[in-house]
Amino acid sequence: MTSIEERIREILGLLRKAYGFPRWRLRKDPIGVLVQTILSQNTSDTNSRGAFRSLLATFGSWEEVAGADVDTIARSIEGGGLGKVKAQRIKQALEEIMRRRGQLELDFLKKLELAEAENWLLGLPGVGEKTARCVLLFSLGMPALPVDTHICRVTKRLGLIPPEASLHEAHHILGAVVPKENVYQFHVLVIEHGRKTCRARNHDCLHCVLRDICLSYLTFFPPKPLE
């Protein structure tokens, strides 16, 4: 019987053929990744990127953002949606880092065990599992797997996680079985596949590179009965 780890490696091999081989490129600023991920919650990438650029143009440093009032932060990011809510989360998270560390830096997390580093970030206001793991994966090079709606949908269709699994459960199930050396590729490639082929609606199963190993393919396209 094929193990789930073997299935994941097979899935990754097929996705690499379709979308290429993503290289693990680190962003240098963990605080920036934290803020940008908070901005990305419940909005499009286009809106969140625009809001992040506006925030950087308005303030000269993260210390200035932490010291600003919520309304001023909200005005600078209002194009990203939910401006005041996200402004408050950003300010509270930065203030809590400052309170706990005495400065706005997160590089110390690289010295901790993965679970300990994730738990430290989860203790910040407005930071959930996806946000914490984005910081660890994209800026600190730690093999923490963030799970978004694309990954959750695709892995349910593939049968890697139960169909009723929540995002919280998906984080823990997938985080335990995706090989550490494949975490970055898995995150990037499965999201790419979810956006281009395995969409929530109008999923393109007939042209899917995973259709031969997808448990949902026969549900969407059952075999015709013999005459």
Protein backbone atom coordinates (compact mmCIF):
# COMPACT_ATOMS: atom_id res chain seq x y z
CA MET A 1 0.00 0.00 0.00
CA THR A 2 1.27 3.45 -0.93
CA SER A 3 1.99 5.64 2.11
CA ILE A 4 0.75 9.22 2.28
CA GLU A 5 4.35 10.45 2.11
CA GLU A 6 4.86 8.50 -1.13
CA ARG A 7 1.62 9.93 -2.52
CA ILE A 8 2.80 13.44 -1.67
CA ARG A 9 6.10 12.87 -3.48
CA GLU A 10 4.20 11.53 -6.50
CA ILE A 11 1.89 14.57 -6.45
CA LEU A 12 4.85 16.93 -6.25
CA GLY A 13 6.59 15.20 -9.13
CA LEU A 14 3.55 15.71 -11.36
CA LEU A 15 3.05 19.31 -10.25
CA ARG A 16 6.72 20.15 -10.90
CA LYS A 17 6.33 18.90 -14.46
CA ALA A 18 3.29 21.14 -14.91
CA TYR A 19 4.44 24.31 -13.13
CA GLY A 20 8.19 24.12 -12.74
CA PHE A 21 10.53 23.75 -9.76
CA PRO A 22 10.02 26.57 -7.22
CA ARG A 23 13.19 27.61 -5.40
CA TRP A 24 13.04 28.42 -1.71
CA ARG A 25 13.75 32.16 -1.72
CA LEU A 26 13.72 33.86 1.65
CA ARG A 27 12.41 37.36 2.26
CA LYS A 28 14.72 39.25 4.59
CA ASP A 29 12.25 40.94 6.91
CA PRO A 30 10.16 38.70 9.21
CA ILE A 31 8.21 41.70 10.54
CA GLY A 32 7.35 42.66 6.97
CA VAL A 33 6.12 39.14 6.21
CA LEU A 34 4.04 39.19 9.39
CA VAL A 35 2.40 42.50 8.49
CA GLN A 36 1.86 41.54 4.85
CA THR A 37 0.24 38.24 5.85
CA ILE A 38 -2.12 40.01 8.25
CA LEU A 39 -3.05 42.35 5.40
CA SER A 40 -3.73 39.36 3.11
CA GLN A 41 -6.38 37.89 5.40
CA ASN A 42 -9.80 37.76 3.67
CA THR A 43 -8.79 39.86 0.68
CA SER A 44 -7.17 39.44 -2.73
CA ASP A 45 -3.41 39.41 -3.32
CA THR A 46 -3.76 42.55 -5.42
CA ASN A 47 -5.47 44.47 -2.61
CA SER A 48 -3.09 43.28 0.10
CA ARG A 49 0.02 44.10 -1.94
CA GLY A 50 -1.31 47.58 -2.65
CA ALA A 51 -2.10 48.12 1.02
CA PHE A 52 1.38 46.94 2.02
CA ARG A 53 3.06 49.32 -0.43
CA SER A 54 0.91 52.16 0.86
CA LEU A 55 1.83 51.32 4.45
CA LEU A 56 5.54 51.37 3.61
CA ALA A 57 5.15 54.68 1.79
CA THR A 58 3.34 56.24 4.76
CA PHE A 59 5.69 55.16 7.56
CA GLY A 60 9.46 55.17 7.72
CA SER A 61 9.84 52.15 10.00
CA TRP A 62 7.89 49.45 11.82
CA GLU A 63 8.53 51.37 15.02
CA GLU A 64 6.61 54.29 13.51
CA VAL A 65 3.74 51.97 12.63
CA ALA A 66 3.68 50.59 16.18
CA GLY A 67 3.60 54.13 17.59
CA ALA A 68 0.87 55.42 15.26
CA ASP A 69 -2.81 55.48 16.17
CA VAL A 70 -5.13 52.90 14.62
CA ASP A 71 -6.98 55.44 12.46
CA THR A 72 -3.76 56.65 10.84
CA ILE A 73 -2.69 53.08 10.07
CA ALA A 74 -6.18 52.29 8.77
CA ARG A 75 -6.12 55.22 6.35
CA SER A 76 -2.82 54.04 4.91
CA ILE A 77 -4.17 50.55 4.16
CA GLU A 78 -7.82 51.27 3.41
CA GLY A 79 -7.45 49.96 -0.15
CA GLY A 80 -6.82 46.46 1.22
CA GLY A 81 -10.24 46.03 2.81
CA LEU A 82 -11.13 45.79 6.51
CA GLY A 83 -8.76 48.69 7.15
CA LYS A 84 -9.55 49.42 10.79
CA VAL A 85 -9.72 45.78 11.85
CA LYS A 86 -6.37 44.97 10.23
CA ALA A 87 -4.82 48.22 11.45
CA GLN A 88 -5.67 47.25 15.01
CA ARG A 89 -4.26 43.73 14.54
CA ILE A 90 -1.03 45.08 13.07
CA LYS A 91 -0.56 47.65 15.83
CA GLN A 92 -1.34 45.16 18.59
CA ALA A 93 1.01 42.54 17.13
CA LEU A 94 3.88 45.02 16.81
CA GLU A 95 3.29 46.37 20.31
CA GLU A 96 3.30 42.83 21.73
CA ILE A 97 6.58 41.98 19.99
CA MET A 98 8.07 45.18 21.40
CA ARG A 99 6.74 44.35 24.87
CA ARG A 100 8.09 40.82 24.83
CA ARG A 101 11.39 41.43 23.05
CA GLY A 102 12.21 45.09 23.66
CA GLN A 103 12.64 45.62 19.91
CA LEU A 104 10.88 44.83 16.65
CA GLU A 105 12.75 41.75 15.44
CA LEU A 106 11.91 38.08 15.02
CA ASP A 107 15.21 36.56 13.87
CA PHE A 108 15.64 34.96 17.30
CA LEU A 109 12.91 32.46 16.33
CA LYS A 110 15.42 30.63 14.09
CA LYS A 111 17.19 29.43 17.24
CA LEU A 112 14.03 27.75 18.59
CA GLU A 113 12.48 24.40 17.78
CA LEU A 114 9.81 24.70 15.08
CA ALA A 115 6.85 24.08 17.40
CA GLU A 116 8.22 26.53 19.98
CA ALA A 117 8.73 29.22 17.34
CA GLU A 118 5.20 28.72 16.00
CA ASN A 119 3.69 28.88 19.49
CA TRP A 120 5.57 32.14 20.17
CA LEU A 121 4.01 33.71 17.09
CA LEU A 122 0.56 32.32 17.89
CA GLY A 123 0.74 34.29 21.12
CA LEU A 124 0.62 37.55 19.14
CA PRO A 125 -2.78 39.28 18.70
CA GLY A 126 -4.42 38.49 15.36
CA VAL A 127 -1.91 35.78 14.42
CA GLY A 128 -3.26 32.36 13.49
CA GLU A 129 -1.57 29.23 12.17
CA LYS A 130 -1.37 30.36 8.55
CA THR A 131 0.16 33.75 9.46
CA ALA A 132 2.64 32.21 11.91
CA ARG A 133 3.76 29.60 9.41
CA CYS A 134 4.13 32.15 6.60
CA VAL A 135 6.59 34.07 8.77
CA LEU A 136 8.53 30.91 9.60
CA LEU A 137 8.58 29.56 6.03
CA PHE A 138 9.08 32.67 3.94
CA SER A 139 11.38 34.78 6.08
CA LEU A 140 13.13 32.40 8.47
CA GLY A 141 13.58 29.30 6.28
CA MET A 142 11.85 26.97 8.73
CA PRO A 143 9.78 24.06 7.31
CA ALA A 144 6.37 25.17 8.59
CA LEU A 145 3.51 24.54 6.15
CA PRO A 146 0.90 27.32 5.83
CA VAL A 147 -2.46 25.99 4.62
CA ASP A 148 -4.82 28.30 2.76
CA THR A 149 -8.19 27.63 1.13
CA HIS A 150 -6.56 26.43 -2.12
CA ILE A 151 -4.41 23.85 -0.31
CA CYS A 152 -7.33 22.76 1.84
CA ARG A 153 -9.59 22.27 -1.20
CA VAL A 154 -7.01 20.46 -3.37
CA THR A 155 -5.84 18.11 -0.62
CA LYS A 156 -9.43 17.20 0.25
CA ARG A 157 -10.12 16.33 -3.38
CA LEU A 158 -6.94 14.27 -3.52
CA GLY A 159 -7.90 12.44 -0.34
CA LEU A 160 -4.90 13.61 1.68
CA ILE A 161 -7.15 15.05 4.38
CA PRO A 162 -10.76 14.20 5.32
CA PRO A 163 -13.47 16.13 3.44
CA GLU A 164 -14.80 17.60 6.68
CA ALA A 165 -11.38 18.77 7.96
CA SER A 166 -11.15 22.39 9.12
CA LEU A 167 -8.23 24.66 8.29
CA HIS A 168 -6.92 24.06 11.80
CA GLU A 169 -7.08 20.28 11.31
CA ALA A 170 -5.56 20.58 7.83
CA HIS A 171 -2.55 22.45 9.25
CA HIS A 172 -1.84 19.66 11.71
CA ILE A 173 -2.53 16.72 9.38
CA LEU A 174 -0.49 18.05 6.46
CA GLY A 175 2.21 19.51 8.70
CA ALA A 176 2.84 16.03 10.07
CA VAL A 177 3.09 14.20 6.72
CA VAL A 178 4.63 16.58 4.17
CA PRO A 179 8.40 15.91 4.22
CA LYS A 180 10.32 18.88 5.61
CA GLU A 181 12.44 19.23 2.50
CA ASN A 182 9.26 19.47 0.39
CA VAL A 183 7.26 21.94 2.49
CA TYR A 184 8.06 25.03 0.40
CA GLN A 185 7.40 23.29 -2.92
CA PHE A 186 4.20 21.72 -1.63
CA HIS A 187 2.87 25.09 -0.48
CA VAL A 188 3.73 26.92 -3.70
CA LEU A 189 2.77 24.20 -6.18
CA VAL A 190 -0.52 23.16 -4.61
CA ILE A 191 -1.65 26.80 -4.45
CA GLU A 192 -0.65 27.23 -8.10
CA HIS A 193 -2.65 24.13 -9.02
CA GLY A 194 -5.64 25.33 -7.02
CA ARG A 195 -5.63 28.68 -8.80
CA LYS A 196 -5.12 27.39 -12.33
CA THR A 197 -6.74 23.96 -12.49
CA CYS A 198 -8.36 22.62 -9.30
CA ARG A 199 -10.50 25.71 -8.80
CA ALA A 200 -13.42 25.88 -6.39
CA ARG A 201 -15.71 26.32 -9.40
CA ASN A 202 -15.07 25.33 -12.99
CA HIS A 203 -12.37 22.87 -11.97
CA ASP A 204 -10.57 21.61 -15.07
CA CYS A 205 -10.37 17.91 -14.23
CA LEU A 206 -10.02 16.78 -17.84
CA HIS A 207 -6.69 18.62 -18.15
CA CYS A 208 -5.48 17.96 -14.60
CA VAL A 209 -2.06 16.36 -14.24
CA LEU A 210 -3.26 14.69 -11.03
CA ARG A 211 -6.47 13.17 -12.34
CA ASP A 212 -5.12 9.60 -12.43
CA ILE A 213 -4.33 9.71 -8.71
CA CYS A 214 -7.17 11.99 -7.58
CA LEU A 215 -9.89 10.36 -5.49
CA SER A 216 -12.41 12.99 -6.57
CA TYR A 217 -11.94 12.52 -10.32
CA LEU A 218 -14.36 9.59 -10.50
CA THR A 219 -16.85 11.61 -8.45
CA PHE A 220 -16.77 14.45 -10.95
CA PHE A 221 -16.49 12.14 -13.99
CA PRO A 222 -17.98 8.71 -13.16
CA PRO A 223 -17.35 5.95 -15.70
CA LYS A 224 -20.11 5.34 -18.17
CA PRO A 225 -22.11 2.16 -17.49
CA LEU A 226 -21.49 -0.78 -19.81
CA GLU A 227 -24.21 -1.23 -22.40
